[in-house]
C-alpha atoms as a PDB file:
ATOM      1  CA  UNK A   1      -9.770   4.285 -13.450  1.00  0.00           C
ATOM      2  CA  UNK A   2      -7.517   2.733 -10.589  1.00  0.00           C
ATOM      3  CA  UNK A   3      -7.231  -0.049  -8.475  1.00  0.00           C
ATOM      4  CA  UNK A   4      -5.891   0.376  -5.271  1.00  0.00           C
ATOM      5  CA  UNK A   5      -4.826  -2.067  -1.973  1.00  0.00           C
ATOM      6  CA  UNK A   6      -5.581  -0.391   1.528  1.00  0.00           C
ATOM      7  CA  UNK A   7      -3.974  -2.404   3.800  1.00  0.00           C
ATOM      8  CA  UNK A   8      -5.507  -0.813   7.213  1.00  0.00           C
ATOM      9  CA  UNK A   9      -6.741  -2.472  10.300  1.00  0.00           C
ATOM     10  CA  UNK A  10      -8.035   0.551  12.113  1.00  0.00           C
ATOM     11  CA  UNK A  11     -11.514   1.167  10.112  1.00  0.00           C
ATOM     12  CA  UNK A  12     -11.836   5.380  10.563  1.00  0.00           C
ATOM     13  CA  UNK A  13      -8.488   5.228   8.553  1.00  0.00           C
ATOM     14  CA  UNK A  14      -9.478   2.934   6.277  1.00  0.00           C
ATOM     15  CA  UNK A  15     -12.382   4.609   5.461  1.00  0.00           C
ATOM     16  CA  UNK A  16     -10.407   7.870   5.027  1.00  0.00           C
ATOM     17  CA  UNK A  17      -8.248   6.276   2.679  1.00  0.00           C
ATOM     18  CA  UNK A  18     -11.403   5.485   0.604  1.00  0.00           C
ATOM     19  CA  UNK A  19     -12.820   8.903   0.814  1.00  0.00           C
ATOM     20  CA  UNK A  20      -9.800  10.146  -0.360  1.00  0.00           C
ATOM     21  CA  UNK A  21      -9.458   8.055  -3.490  1.00  0.00           C
ATOM     22  CA  UNK A  22     -13.028   8.592  -4.687  1.00  0.00           C
ATOM     23  CA  UNK A  23     -13.868   9.220  -7.905  1.00  0.00           C
ATOM     24  CA  UNK A  24      -9.660   8.478  -8.551  1.00  0.00           C
ATOM     25  CA  UNK A  25      -9.587   4.591  -7.699  1.00  0.00           C
ATOM     26  CA  UNK A  26     -11.874   1.613  -6.897  1.00  0.00           C
ATOM     27  CA  UNK A  27     -10.446   0.763  -3.480  1.00  0.00           C
ATOM     28  CA  UNK A  28      -9.684  -2.816  -1.471  1.00  0.00           C
ATOM     29  CA  UNK A  29      -9.572  -2.797   1.856  1.00  0.00           C
ATOM     30  CA  UNK A  30      -7.685  -5.278   3.378  1.00  0.00           C
ATOM     31  CA  UNK A  31      -8.096  -5.483   8.066  1.00  0.00           C
ATOM     32  CA  UNK A  32      -4.896  -7.962   8.154  1.00  0.00           C
ATOM     33  CA  UNK A  33      -1.758  -9.011   6.883  1.00  0.00           C
ATOM     34  CA  UNK A  34      -3.051 -12.570   5.529  1.00  0.00           C
ATOM     35  CA  UNK A  35      -6.319 -10.929   3.761  1.00  0.00           C
ATOM     36  CA  UNK A  36      -3.780  -8.518   1.882  1.00  0.00           C
ATOM     37  CA  UNK A  37      -2.113 -11.398   0.801  1.00  0.00           C
ATOM     38  CA  UNK A  38      -4.929 -13.348  -0.653  1.00  0.00           C
ATOM     39  CA  UNK A  39      -6.218 -10.055  -2.433  1.00  0.00           C
ATOM     40  CA  UNK A  40      -2.890  -9.878  -3.802  1.00  0.00           C
ATOM     41  CA  UNK A  41      -2.706 -13.218  -4.951  1.00  0.00           C
ATOM     42  CA  UNK A  42      -6.102 -13.356  -6.779  1.00  0.00           C
ATOM     43  CA  UNK A  43      -6.102  -9.839  -8.002  1.00  0.00           C
ATOM     44  CA  UNK A  44      -4.213  -7.000 -10.163  1.00  0.00           C
ATOM     45  CA  UNK A  45      -3.820  -3.557  -8.405  1.00  0.00           C
ATOM     46  CA  UNK A  46      -1.909  -0.438  -9.637  1.00  0.00           C
ATOM     47  CA  UNK A  47      -0.826   0.464  -6.301  1.00  0.00           C
ATOM     48  CA  UNK A  48      -0.711  -0.944  -2.481  1.00  0.00           C
ATOM     49  CA  UNK A  49      -0.835   1.426   0.365  1.00  0.00           C
ATOM     50  CA  UNK A  50      -0.318  -0.250   3.397  1.00  0.00           C
ATOM     51  CA  UNK A  51      -0.117   0.867   7.553  1.00  0.00           C
ATOM     52  CA  UNK A  52       1.489  -2.507   8.660  1.00  0.00           C
ATOM     53  CA  UNK A  53       1.113  -1.747  12.319  1.00  0.00           C
ATOM     54  CA  UNK A  54      -1.286  -4.140  14.126  1.00  0.00           C
ATOM     55  CA  UNK A  55      -1.744  -5.862  11.151  1.00  0.00           C
ATOM     56  CA  UNK A  56      -0.401  -8.880  12.164  1.00  0.00           C
ATOM     57  CA  UNK A  57       0.942  -8.801  15.346  1.00  0.00           C
ATOM     58  CA  UNK A  58       3.521 -12.497  15.019  1.00  0.00           C
ATOM     59  CA  UNK A  59       5.514 -10.195  12.313  1.00  0.00           C
ATOM     60  CA  UNK A  60       7.531  -7.198  12.812  1.00  0.00           C
ATOM     61  CA  UNK A  61       6.954  -4.041  10.962  1.00  0.00           C
ATOM     62  CA  UNK A  62       9.806  -4.442   8.281  1.00  0.00           C
ATOM     63  CA  UNK A  63       8.981  -8.425   7.824  1.00  0.00           C
ATOM     64  CA  UNK A  64       5.301  -7.066   6.903  1.00  0.00           C
ATOM     65  CA  UNK A  65       6.588  -4.773   4.215  1.00  0.00           C
ATOM     66  CA  UNK A  66       8.604  -7.433   2.891  1.00  0.00           C
ATOM     67  CA  UNK A  67       6.261  -9.723   2.932  1.00  0.00           C
ATOM     68  CA  UNK A  68       3.969  -7.515   0.882  1.00  0.00           C
ATOM     69  CA  UNK A  69       6.387  -6.248  -1.510  1.00  0.00           C
ATOM     70  CA  UNK A  70       7.257 -10.285  -1.822  1.00  0.00           C
ATOM     71  CA  UNK A  71       3.321 -10.872  -2.848  1.00  0.00           C
ATOM     72  CA  UNK A  72       3.420  -7.786  -4.786  1.00  0.00           C
ATOM     73  CA  UNK A  73       6.727  -9.341  -6.945  1.00  0.00           C
ATOM     74  CA  UNK A  74       4.460 -12.557  -7.543  1.00  0.00           C
ATOM     75  CA  UNK A  75       1.567 -11.411  -8.551  1.00  0.00           C
ATOM     76  CA  UNK A  76       3.436  -8.804 -11.254  1.00  0.00           C
ATOM     77  CA  UNK A  77       5.355 -12.279 -12.303  1.00  0.00           C
ATOM     78  CA  UNK A  78       2.019 -13.851 -12.914  1.00  0.00           C
ATOM     79  CA  UNK A  79       0.372 -12.006 -14.579  1.00  0.00           C
ATOM     80  CA  UNK A  80       3.489 -10.594 -16.686  1.00  0.00           C
ATOM     81  CA  UNK A  81       2.508  -7.332 -16.124  1.00  0.00           C
ATOM     82  CA  UNK A  82       4.920  -5.029 -17.294  1.00  0.00           C
ATOM     83  CA  UNK A  83       4.078  -1.665 -14.781  1.00  0.00           C
ATOM     84  CA  UNK A  84       5.287  -1.615 -11.485  1.00  0.00           C
ATOM     85  CA  UNK A  85       2.813  -1.848  -9.020  1.00  0.00           C
ATOM     86  CA  UNK A  86       4.144   0.869  -6.101  1.00  0.00           C
ATOM     87  CA  UNK A  87       4.011   0.040  -2.262  1.00  0.00           C
ATOM     88  CA  UNK A  88       3.165   3.093  -0.021  1.00  0.00           C
ATOM     89  CA  UNK A  89       3.884   2.843   3.547  1.00  0.00           C
ATOM     90  CA  UNK A  90       1.679   4.969   5.651  1.00  0.00           C
ATOM     91  CA  UNK A  91       2.052   5.388   9.342  1.00  0.00           C
ATOM     92  CA  UNK A  92       1.951   7.352  12.594  1.00  0.00           C
ATOM     93  CA  UNK A  93       5.647   5.971  13.666  1.00  0.00           C
ATOM     94  CA  UNK A  94       8.631   7.884  13.525  1.00  0.00           C
ATOM     95  CA  UNK A  95       9.066   9.416   9.481  1.00  0.00           C
ATOM     96  CA  UNK A  96      12.534   8.833   9.340  1.00  0.00           C
ATOM     97  CA  UNK A  97      11.887   5.055  10.504  1.00  0.00           C
ATOM     98  CA  UNK A  98       8.756   4.766   7.753  1.00  0.00           C
ATOM     99  CA  UNK A  99      11.463   6.733   5.362  1.00  0.00           C
ATOM    100  CA  UNK A 100      14.345   4.006   6.166  1.00  0.00           C
ATOM    101  CA  UNK A 101      12.691   1.107   5.263  1.00  0.00           C
ATOM    102  CA  UNK A 102      10.690   2.101   2.486  1.00  0.00           C
ATOM    103  CA  UNK A 103      14.331   3.311   0.655  1.00  0.00           C
ATOM    104  CA  UNK A 104      14.920  -0.523   1.757  1.00  0.00           C
ATOM    105  CA  UNK A 105      12.611  -1.734  -0.729  1.00  0.00           C
ATOM    106  CA  UNK A 106      12.344  -1.279  -4.300  1.00  0.00           C
ATOM    107  CA  UNK A 107       9.053   0.646  -5.378  1.00  0.00           C
ATOM    108  CA  UNK A 108       8.085   1.750  -1.998  1.00  0.00           C
ATOM    109  CA  UNK A 109       7.435   5.019  -0.642  1.00  0.00           C
ATOM    110  CA  UNK A 110       6.629   6.562   2.319  1.00  0.00           C
ATOM    111  CA  UNK A 111       3.981   8.618   3.581  1.00  0.00           C
ATOM    112  CA  UNK A 112       3.531   9.629   7.007  1.00  0.00           C
ATOM    113  CA  UNK A 113       0.457  10.269   8.914  1.00  0.00           C
ATOM    114  CA  UNK A 114      -1.247  12.469   9.563  1.00  0.00           C
ATOM    115  CA  UNK A 115      -1.441  12.870   5.544  1.00  0.00           C
ATOM    116  CA  UNK A 116      -3.737  14.987   3.667  1.00  0.00           C
ATOM    117  CA  UNK A 117      -6.340  13.883   0.847  1.00  0.00           C
ATOM    118  CA  UNK A 118      -4.487  16.036  -1.811  1.00  0.00           C
ATOM    119  CA  UNK A 119      -1.346  14.514  -0.531  1.00  0.00           C
ATOM    120  CA  UNK A 120      -2.560  10.937  -1.213  1.00  0.00           C
ATOM    121  CA  UNK A 121      -4.322  11.695  -4.316  1.00  0.00           C
ATOM    122  CA  UNK A 122      -1.076  13.364  -5.531  1.00  0.00           C
ATOM    123  CA  UNK A 123       1.164  10.780  -4.777  1.00  0.00           C
ATOM    124  CA  UNK A 124      -1.117   7.773  -6.252  1.00  0.00           C
ATOM    125  CA  UNK A 125      -1.455  10.081  -9.332  1.00  0.00           C
ATOM    126  CA  UNK A 126       2.794  10.319  -9.642  1.00  0.00           C
ATOM    127  CA  UNK A 127       3.529   6.429  -8.666  1.00  0.00           C
ATOM    128  CA  UNK A 128       0.582   5.415 -11.399  1.00  0.00           C
ATOM    129  CA  UNK A 129       1.129   7.867 -14.515  1.00  0.00           C
ATOM    130  CA  UNK A 130       2.017   6.418 -17.478  1.00  0.00           C
ATOM    131  CA  UNK A 131       5.404   7.064 -18.759  1.00  0.00           C
END
């Protein structure tokens, strides 16, 4: 079974993501940016799904995404893991802005809110499939 880190400050959205991934992945929820960085420093994940709005008011949305991607890369290097860990940015913000930010980062993908259970599960499966 996969292990997915969900970074989401909104409880209802976190529960929705957990329910959507039930049976496909074990889910760890980080309610803040700092908690996400801590989890990434001690645990290996197959994917990270993050809505960065509200997880750290002192950082911009782009700074949060870049910080999480750096933490993912440090984790991969320390674990000598060969398979990448994708970052999926989810947000109700402007989808064009969301996709533009995702394109700036390596192995980063955008999933605008609202998304369906089917859409989320398909994205997780596609991004974590073995070659």
